[in-house]
Amino acid sequence: MDGNWAPARVRRNFRIDLTSAILGGAYISVVVTFMPIVVRRMGGSPSDVALVVAAPFIGHLLSPLFTFLFAGLRPVRVTAGTATASRVVFLAGVLVAATPLMLAMTTVVVFVIAVANIGSYTLLMQGIYPDTERAKAMANVRIGGAIAGIASAALAGALIDIVPASAVFAAAAIIALPGAISFFWIRYDPVAVRTRRPIKQIAQGVWADRRYRRLLLAATVFGTGNLMNVAIFPIMLVDHFDASNSFVGAMMVVQSATMIVAYLVWGRIIDRGSSIRLTLVNTVVTILVPIGYIAAPATWALLPVAAIAGIVTAGGELTFFTNIVQLAPRERIGEYAAAQSLLMGIRGTFAPFVASALLGLVDPRAVLLVGVLFMTVGAWIMAGAVRLATTPRPAPVAAPVQTPAD
């Protein structure tokens, strides 16, 4: 048995992972929920809001470079170090930012640092949890984060109406710092020393995997539409629905609550079946979210939309990592993760700004319809990708036995 999967070590690592997720969940829930809203209420332009929405994906865009640079370092130190550094930078940034653009730029820098560990983190998830328990363990960790997110979003929604938003953001960062630092105590013995391979060789190797290539294409088309819509949601909440900060917090509470249930269900399904098949289900259901924003007659109607968003967010969070573990050769998990992050970064960086540009021409709901069109085409491509990825590969044909008579 792999020493990393010894029961005592798995339990210890799980407790640290869970603690980190709970403290980090309280932080990230506040940032993701309220940063675009606060930037808009401060007078930020659609481009400023788009920059906030694009921030995580700019991080993904640059993550392959960091995966390459960190290849020779211990993954625990990389993961914990970048998480700690990103929260320190966020704490300092929100305390000095005086304009919407400064807040948006702070968010970008923070996510570039935070997402730099994507290759190391994915490798750790494969290394510290056994195959038969990985998705369940990851789901339980994220349930802890979601529960913390419920409390922090509800509290932040009330506090932002009465105290400066910068103080709320700073408090969230302070709460999250011990969780990032605790990750240094994860125990993991690398199975093999990671070496840097030429970038061209890495790209050719990932591209040669037809199953993974098709999955990435589907995710790119679908994700472009989805991220165009994500950039529009905060603008509609402020300009169209005139939603209060308390209501935005309530939406996050509903979303986090359904995420908890979804993590339990999706984790068991992945461990017992196929992460790839769940991706298709998740993709189709996600299309209901922008449709809900288009059809909602008032703010109350967005609560069911938030419930659906929680379900698909949980599925996407898990399959982002488990798809790689299912398809990638063990020694190349970091490279596959970097390829996925690169394409996510490309679409996530330009899609919000495309949506922002379209806002100058058409109504926000028309922009959502354009996004839905991309998402529908992407779901269709995804259906073919899933069939290809789940079709057993033919066994190699054995060479005929040579005899002296030959």
Protein backbone atom coordinates (compact mmCIF):
# COMPACT_ATOMS: atom_id res chain seq x y z
CA MET A 1 0.00 0.00 0.00
CA ASP A 2 1.17 3.56 -0.77
CA GLY A 3 2.51 5.04 2.49
CA ASN A 4 0.67 8.26 1.74
CA TRP A 5 -2.57 6.28 1.93
CA ALA A 6 -1.92 4.74 5.36
CA PRO A 7 -5.17 5.23 7.33
CA ALA A 8 -3.60 7.27 10.13
CA ARG A 9 -1.92 9.64 7.66
CA VAL A 10 -5.06 9.99 5.54
CA ARG A 11 -7.11 10.92 8.63
CA ARG A 12 -4.51 13.45 9.76
CA ASN A 13 -4.28 15.08 6.34
CA PHE A 14 -8.06 15.14 6.06
CA ARG A 15 -8.39 17.03 9.35
CA ILE A 16 -5.88 19.64 8.19
CA ASP A 17 -7.53 19.89 4.77
CA LEU A 18 -10.93 20.31 6.42
CA THR A 19 -9.71 23.01 8.82
CA SER A 20 -8.12 24.91 5.96
CA ALA A 21 -11.31 24.63 3.91
CA ILE A 22 -13.55 25.90 6.71
CA LEU A 23 -11.45 29.00 7.31
CA GLY A 24 -10.83 29.50 3.58
CA GLY A 25 -14.52 28.99 2.80
CA ALA A 26 -15.51 31.83 5.10
CA TYR A 27 -13.05 34.07 3.25
CA ILE A 28 -13.70 33.10 -0.36
CA SER A 29 -17.48 33.27 0.08
CA VAL A 30 -17.23 36.92 1.11
CA VAL A 31 -14.82 37.80 -1.70
CA VAL A 32 -16.67 36.06 -4.53
CA THR A 33 -20.12 37.18 -3.39
CA PHE A 34 -19.52 40.80 -2.53
CA MET A 35 -16.43 42.07 -4.37
CA PRO A 36 -18.21 42.61 -7.73
CA ILE A 37 -21.23 44.08 -5.92
CA VAL A 38 -19.09 46.48 -3.88
CA VAL A 39 -17.09 47.52 -6.94
CA ARG A 40 -20.33 48.29 -8.81
CA ARG A 41 -21.87 50.21 -5.89
CA MET A 42 -18.68 52.29 -5.57
CA GLY A 43 -19.34 53.51 -9.11
CA GLY A 44 -17.24 50.94 -10.94
CA SER A 45 -17.80 50.53 -14.66
CA PRO A 46 -18.87 47.27 -16.32
CA SER A 47 -15.19 46.82 -17.21
CA ASP A 48 -14.23 47.07 -13.53
CA VAL A 49 -16.82 44.43 -12.67
CA ALA A 50 -15.59 42.28 -15.56
CA LEU A 51 -12.04 42.56 -14.20
CA VAL A 52 -13.19 41.23 -10.82
CA VAL A 53 -15.06 38.35 -12.46
CA ALA A 54 -12.06 37.58 -14.68
CA ALA A 55 -9.57 37.67 -11.78
CA PRO A 56 -9.56 33.92 -10.98
CA PHE A 57 -9.22 33.11 -14.65
CA ILE A 58 -6.32 35.45 -15.18
CA GLY A 59 -4.74 33.35 -12.45
CA HIS A 60 -5.57 30.19 -14.38
CA LEU A 61 -4.13 31.75 -17.53
CA LEU A 62 -0.76 32.17 -15.82
CA SER A 63 -0.88 28.93 -13.83
CA PRO A 64 0.96 26.79 -16.45
CA LEU A 65 3.97 29.08 -16.06
CA PHE A 66 3.93 28.60 -12.30
CA THR A 67 3.39 24.85 -12.67
CA PHE A 68 6.54 24.76 -14.79
CA LEU A 69 8.53 26.93 -12.35
CA PHE A 70 7.36 24.96 -9.29
CA ALA A 71 7.99 21.53 -10.85
CA GLY A 72 11.05 20.81 -8.73
CA LEU A 73 9.56 22.01 -5.42
CA ARG A 74 7.63 20.09 -2.79
CA PRO A 75 3.89 20.39 -3.53
CA VAL A 76 2.92 20.96 0.13
CA ARG A 77 5.18 23.99 0.39
CA VAL A 78 3.96 25.39 -2.91
CA THR A 79 0.29 24.95 -2.03
CA ALA A 80 0.54 26.34 1.48
CA GLY A 81 2.96 29.13 0.56
CA THR A 82 0.90 30.55 -2.28
CA ALA A 83 -2.33 30.33 -0.27
CA THR A 84 -0.72 32.22 2.61
CA ALA A 85 0.86 34.85 0.38
CA SER A 86 -2.38 35.53 -1.50
CA ARG A 87 -4.31 36.21 1.71
CA VAL A 88 -1.62 38.52 3.08
CA VAL A 89 -1.69 40.50 -0.18
CA PHE A 90 -5.50 40.66 -0.09
CA LEU A 91 -5.46 41.95 3.49
CA ALA A 92 -3.02 44.73 2.60
CA GLY A 93 -4.73 45.55 -0.69
CA VAL A 94 -8.28 46.06 0.61
CA LEU A 95 -7.02 48.33 3.37
CA VAL A 96 -5.31 50.73 0.96
CA ALA A 97 -7.59 50.50 -2.11
CA ALA A 98 -9.54 53.73 -2.51
CA THR A 99 -11.17 53.29 -5.93
CA PRO A 100 -13.16 50.55 -7.68
CA LEU A 101 -10.26 49.93 -10.06
CA MET A 102 -7.80 49.51 -7.18
CA LEU A 103 -10.10 46.94 -5.56
CA ALA A 104 -10.45 45.13 -8.87
CA MET A 105 -6.67 45.08 -9.44
CA THR A 106 -6.11 43.82 -5.89
CA THR A 107 -8.49 40.96 -6.64
CA VAL A 108 -6.58 40.09 -9.82
CA VAL A 109 -3.19 39.99 -8.09
CA VAL A 110 -4.57 37.88 -5.24
CA PHE A 111 -6.04 35.26 -7.56
CA VAL A 112 -2.89 35.09 -9.68
CA ILE A 113 -0.98 34.14 -6.54
CA ALA A 114 -3.69 31.81 -5.21
CA VAL A 115 -4.19 29.85 -8.44
CA ALA A 116 -0.44 29.47 -9.02
CA ASN A 117 -0.59 26.26 -6.96
CA ILE A 118 -3.18 24.47 -9.13
CA GLY A 119 -0.74 21.83 -10.39
CA SER A 120 0.67 21.13 -6.93
CA TYR A 121 -2.78 21.06 -5.33
CA THR A 122 -4.15 18.61 -7.89
CA LEU A 123 -1.12 16.37 -7.37
CA LEU A 124 -1.71 16.48 -3.60
CA MET A 125 -5.37 15.51 -3.96
CA GLN A 126 -4.27 12.47 -5.96
CA GLY A 127 -1.50 11.69 -3.50
CA ILE A 128 -3.06 12.09 -0.05
CA TYR A 129 -6.42 10.38 -0.68
CA PRO A 130 -6.94 6.77 -1.91
CA ASP A 131 -8.73 6.30 -5.23
CA THR A 132 -11.83 4.78 -3.62
CA GLU A 133 -12.26 7.61 -1.13
CA ARG A 134 -10.90 10.67 -2.93
CA ALA A 135 -14.10 12.27 -4.21
CA LYS A 136 -15.94 11.63 -0.93
CA ALA A 137 -13.09 13.14 1.09
CA MET A 138 -12.86 16.17 -1.20
CA ALA A 139 -16.64 16.58 -1.04
CA ASN A 140 -16.65 16.47 2.77
CA VAL A 141 -13.87 19.04 2.89
CA ARG A 142 -15.88 21.33 0.63
CA ILE A 143 -19.00 20.80 2.72
CA GLY A 144 -17.08 22.27 5.62
CA GLY A 145 -16.12 25.22 3.46
CA ALA A 146 -19.70 25.67 2.27
CA ILE A 147 -21.07 25.67 5.83
CA ALA A 148 -18.56 28.34 6.79
CA GLY A 149 -19.52 30.23 3.63
CA ILE A 150 -23.19 30.27 4.68
CA ALA A 151 -22.35 31.93 7.98
CA SER A 152 -19.84 34.39 6.55
CA ALA A 153 -22.04 35.45 3.61
CA ALA A 154 -25.04 36.08 5.85
CA LEU A 155 -22.96 38.04 8.35
CA ALA A 156 -21.08 40.01 5.68
CA GLY A 157 -24.33 40.89 3.91
CA ALA A 158 -25.59 42.53 7.09
CA LEU A 159 -22.29 44.17 8.05
CA ILE A 160 -21.49 45.72 4.65
CA ASP A 161 -24.63 47.86 5.01
CA ILE A 162 -23.35 49.42 8.25
CA VAL A 163 -19.52 49.29 8.21
CA PRO A 164 -16.96 49.93 5.43
CA ALA A 165 -16.65 47.04 3.01
CA SER A 166 -12.85 47.15 3.36
CA ALA A 167 -13.18 46.23 7.05
CA VAL A 168 -15.38 43.24 6.21
CA PHE A 169 -12.95 42.03 3.52
CA ALA A 170 -9.97 42.48 5.87
CA ALA A 171 -11.69 40.50 8.63
CA ALA A 172 -12.36 37.65 6.18
CA ALA A 173 -8.68 37.56 5.19
CA ILE A 174 -7.53 37.50 8.83
CA ILE A 175 -9.86 34.57 9.55
CA ALA A 176 -8.52 32.66 6.54
CA LEU A 177 -4.79 33.10 7.23
CA PRO A 178 -4.46 30.32 9.87
CA GLY A 179 -6.13 27.90 7.44
CA ALA A 180 -3.55 28.63 4.76
CA ILE A 181 -0.66 28.31 7.19
CA SER A 182 -1.99 25.01 8.58
CA PHE A 183 -1.55 23.42 5.14
CA PHE A 184 2.21 23.40 5.75
CA TRP A 185 1.55 20.48 8.13
CA ILE A 186 0.10 18.20 5.42
CA ARG A 187 2.23 15.03 5.25
CA TYR A 188 3.00 13.80 1.74
CA ASP A 189 5.97 11.85 0.43
CA PRO A 190 6.41 12.39 -3.33
CA VAL A 191 6.24 9.08 -5.20
CA ALA A 192 8.69 10.37 -7.80
CA VAL A 193 10.81 13.47 -8.17
CA ARG A 194 9.09 15.93 -10.48
CA THR A 195 11.32 17.25 -13.22
CA ARG A 196 10.81 20.07 -15.65
CA ARG A 197 10.13 18.95 -19.18
CA PRO A 198 10.26 21.30 -22.18
CA ILE A 199 7.00 23.22 -22.54
CA LYS A 200 6.66 22.14 -26.18
CA GLN A 201 6.95 18.49 -25.16
CA ILE A 202 4.32 18.96 -22.44
CA ALA A 203 1.90 20.62 -24.85
CA GLN A 204 2.37 17.94 -27.50
CA GLY A 205 1.82 15.18 -24.96
CA VAL A 206 -1.45 16.62 -23.64
CA TRP A 207 -2.71 17.46 -27.15
CA ALA A 208 -2.05 13.91 -28.30
CA ASP A 209 -4.62 12.59 -25.80
CA ARG A 210 -7.75 12.69 -27.97
CA ARG A 211 -10.12 12.07 -25.08
CA TYR A 212 -8.77 14.93 -23.02
CA ARG A 213 -8.48 17.23 -26.05
CA ARG A 214 -12.18 16.80 -26.86
CA LEU A 215 -13.14 17.41 -23.24
CA LEU A 216 -11.12 20.63 -23.17
CA LEU A 217 -12.77 21.84 -26.39
CA ALA A 218 -16.23 21.28 -24.95
CA ALA A 219 -15.30 23.04 -21.72
CA THR A 220 -13.88 26.00 -23.66
CA VAL A 221 -17.02 26.62 -25.73
CA PHE A 222 -19.38 26.05 -22.81
CA GLY A 223 -17.23 28.02 -20.38
CA THR A 224 -17.05 31.04 -22.69
CA GLY A 225 -20.82 31.41 -22.57
CA ASN A 226 -21.03 30.66 -18.88
CA LEU A 227 -18.40 33.25 -17.96
CA MET A 228 -20.00 35.89 -20.17
CA ASN A 229 -23.13 35.39 -18.09
CA VAL A 230 -21.28 35.40 -14.76
CA ALA A 231 -20.03 38.91 -15.60
CA ILE A 232 -23.60 40.08 -16.18
CA PHE A 233 -25.16 38.66 -12.98
CA PRO A 234 -23.75 41.31 -10.56
CA ILE A 235 -24.71 44.12 -12.92
CA MET A 236 -28.27 42.79 -13.13
CA LEU A 237 -28.45 42.41 -9.36
CA VAL A 238 -27.49 46.06 -8.84
CA ASP A 239 -28.98 47.81 -11.89
CA HIS A 240 -31.99 45.68 -12.85
CA PHE A 241 -33.15 44.00 -9.62
CA ASP A 242 -31.81 46.66 -7.20
CA ALA A 243 -31.00 43.82 -4.79
CA SER A 244 -29.81 44.78 -1.31
CA ASN A 245 -26.57 43.46 0.12
CA SER A 246 -28.63 41.44 2.60
CA PHE A 247 -30.49 39.75 -0.25
CA VAL A 248 -27.22 39.00 -2.05
CA GLY A 249 -26.01 37.41 1.17
CA ALA A 250 -29.25 35.39 1.36
CA MET A 251 -28.67 34.14 -2.19
CA MET A 252 -25.22 32.91 -1.18
CA VAL A 253 -26.71 31.18 1.87
CA VAL A 254 -29.16 29.31 -0.38
CA GLN A 255 -26.42 28.47 -2.86
CA SER A 256 -24.10 27.20 -0.12
CA ALA A 257 -26.89 25.10 1.42
CA THR A 258 -27.57 23.26 -1.84
CA MET A 259 -23.83 22.90 -2.38
CA ILE A 260 -23.61 20.93 0.87
CA VAL A 261 -26.21 18.42 -0.28
CA ALA A 262 -24.73 18.28 -3.78
CA TYR A 263 -21.22 17.59 -2.47
CA LEU A 264 -22.54 14.58 -0.55
CA VAL A 265 -24.36 13.19 -3.59
CA TRP A 266 -21.75 14.02 -6.24
CA GLY A 267 -18.86 12.68 -4.14
CA ARG A 268 -20.50 9.27 -3.80
CA ILE A 269 -21.46 9.17 -7.47
CA ILE A 270 -17.91 9.95 -8.61
CA ASP A 271 -16.30 7.35 -6.33
CA ARG A 272 -18.74 4.69 -7.53
CA GLY A 273 -19.00 5.70 -11.17
CA SER A 274 -17.57 8.23 -13.61
CA SER A 275 -16.49 11.81 -12.99
CA ILE A 276 -16.74 12.41 -16.75
CA ARG A 277 -20.44 11.47 -16.94
CA LEU A 278 -21.25 13.78 -14.05
CA THR A 279 -19.58 16.60 -15.99
CA LEU A 280 -22.19 16.27 -18.75
CA VAL A 281 -25.09 16.34 -16.28
CA ASN A 282 -23.60 19.35 -14.56
CA THR A 283 -23.08 21.13 -17.88
CA VAL A 284 -26.70 20.76 -18.98
CA VAL A 285 -28.16 21.82 -15.62
CA THR A 286 -25.93 24.93 -15.51
CA ILE A 287 -27.82 26.35 -18.51
CA LEU A 288 -30.84 26.84 -16.23
CA VAL A 289 -29.01 29.55 -14.24
CA PRO A 290 -28.88 32.32 -16.90
CA ILE A 291 -32.37 31.33 -18.05
CA GLY A 292 -33.52 31.94 -14.48
CA TYR A 293 -32.00 35.44 -14.48
CA ILE A 294 -33.72 36.22 -17.78
CA ALA A 295 -37.14 34.97 -16.66
CA ALA A 296 -37.11 36.19 -13.03
CA PRO A 297 -39.91 38.77 -12.50
CA ALA A 298 -38.48 39.99 -9.18
CA THR A 299 -35.61 39.40 -6.76
CA TRP A 300 -37.41 36.62 -4.85
CA ALA A 301 -37.41 34.50 -8.03
CA LEU A 302 -33.60 34.44 -7.96
CA LEU A 303 -33.56 32.24 -4.85
CA PRO A 304 -34.41 29.04 -6.83
CA VAL A 305 -31.73 30.10 -9.32
CA ALA A 306 -29.25 30.33 -6.44
CA ALA A 307 -30.25 26.81 -5.37
CA ILE A 308 -29.46 25.47 -8.84
CA ALA A 309 -26.19 27.43 -8.88
CA GLY A 310 -25.14 25.68 -5.68
CA ILE A 311 -25.76 22.24 -7.17
CA VAL A 312 -23.74 22.89 -10.32
CA THR A 313 -20.98 24.75 -8.48
CA ALA A 314 -20.40 21.70 -6.29
CA GLY A 315 -20.31 19.42 -9.32
CA GLY A 316 -17.93 21.68 -11.21
CA GLU A 317 -15.63 22.11 -8.23
CA LEU A 318 -15.21 18.35 -7.80
CA THR A 319 -15.00 17.32 -11.45
CA PHE A 320 -12.42 20.03 -12.18
CA PHE A 321 -9.95 17.85 -10.26
CA THR A 322 -11.41 14.35 -10.54
CA ASN A 323 -11.63 14.48 -14.35
CA ILE A 324 -7.87 15.01 -14.46
CA VAL A 325 -7.22 12.19 -12.02
CA GLN A 326 -9.47 9.89 -14.09
CA LEU A 327 -7.91 10.65 -17.46
CA ALA A 328 -4.30 11.69 -16.86
CA PRO A 329 -1.35 9.33 -16.39
CA ARG A 330 -0.27 9.57 -12.75
CA GLU A 331 3.11 11.09 -13.51
CA ARG A 332 1.54 13.81 -15.69
CA ILE A 333 -1.35 14.99 -13.52
CA GLY A 334 0.27 18.38 -12.99
CA GLU A 335 0.70 18.87 -16.74
CA TYR A 336 -2.94 17.99 -17.47
CA ALA A 337 -4.06 20.35 -14.70
CA ALA A 338 -1.93 23.12 -16.19
CA ALA A 339 -3.46 22.59 -19.65
CA GLN A 340 -6.96 22.76 -18.22
CA SER A 341 -6.12 25.89 -16.24
CA LEU A 342 -4.56 27.56 -19.29
CA LEU A 343 -7.70 27.16 -21.39
CA MET A 344 -9.91 28.15 -18.46
CA GLY A 345 -7.75 31.22 -18.04
CA ILE A 346 -8.03 32.18 -21.71
CA ARG A 347 -11.82 31.99 -21.81
CA GLY A 348 -12.22 33.46 -18.34
CA THR A 349 -10.00 36.41 -19.17
CA PHE A 350 -11.70 37.50 -22.40
CA ALA A 351 -15.33 36.34 -21.92
CA PRO A 352 -16.28 38.87 -19.20
CA PHE A 353 -14.90 41.71 -21.31
CA VAL A 354 -16.83 40.50 -24.36
CA ALA A 355 -19.96 40.61 -22.21
CA SER A 356 -19.02 44.10 -20.99
CA ALA A 357 -18.59 45.30 -24.58
CA LEU A 358 -21.93 43.84 -25.63
CA LEU A 359 -23.63 45.74 -22.79
CA GLY A 360 -22.91 48.92 -24.72
CA LEU A 361 -24.99 47.59 -27.59
CA VAL A 362 -27.82 45.50 -26.18
CA ASP A 363 -29.85 44.85 -23.03
CA PRO A 364 -28.17 42.65 -20.35
CA ARG A 365 -30.73 39.89 -20.93
CA ALA A 366 -29.77 39.79 -24.60
CA VAL A 367 -26.15 39.27 -23.55
CA LEU A 368 -27.31 36.37 -21.36
CA LEU A 369 -29.03 34.84 -24.38
CA VAL A 370 -25.77 34.97 -26.34
CA GLY A 371 -24.09 33.20 -23.44
CA VAL A 372 -26.83 30.55 -23.36
CA LEU A 373 -26.21 29.88 -27.06
CA PHE A 374 -22.52 29.21 -26.41
CA MET A 375 -23.39 27.03 -23.42
CA THR A 376 -25.85 24.93 -25.45
CA VAL A 377 -23.31 24.31 -28.21
CA GLY A 378 -20.72 23.46 -25.59
CA ALA A 379 -23.06 20.95 -23.93
CA TRP A 380 -23.60 19.26 -27.30
CA ILE A 381 -19.84 18.95 -27.82
CA MET A 382 -19.52 17.71 -24.24
CA ALA A 383 -21.95 14.86 -24.93
CA GLY A 384 -19.63 13.56 -27.66
CA ALA A 385 -16.57 14.10 -25.47
CA VAL A 386 -18.11 12.05 -22.67
CA ARG A 387 -18.94 9.19 -25.04
CA LEU A 388 -15.35 9.18 -26.28
CA ALA A 389 -13.83 9.43 -22.78
CA THR A 390 -15.96 6.61 -21.33
CA THR A 391 -15.52 4.19 -24.25
CA PRO A 392 -13.05 1.47 -23.22
CA ARG A 393 -9.86 1.58 -25.22
CA PRO A 394 -9.32 -1.53 -27.37
CA ALA A 395 -6.82 -4.00 -26.02
CA PRO A 396 -3.58 -4.15 -27.96
CA VAL A 397 -3.37 -6.95 -30.47
CA ALA A 398 -0.79 -9.53 -29.45
CA ALA A 399 2.01 -10.19 -31.89
CA PRO A 400 1.86 -13.63 -33.53
CA VAL A 401 4.11 -16.24 -31.97
CA GLN A 402 7.19 -16.90 -34.09
CA THR A 403 8.18 -20.52 -34.60
CA PRO A 404 11.33 -22.04 -36.10
CA ALA A 405 9.23 -22.95 -39.12
CA ASP A 406 8.70 -19.29 -39.86
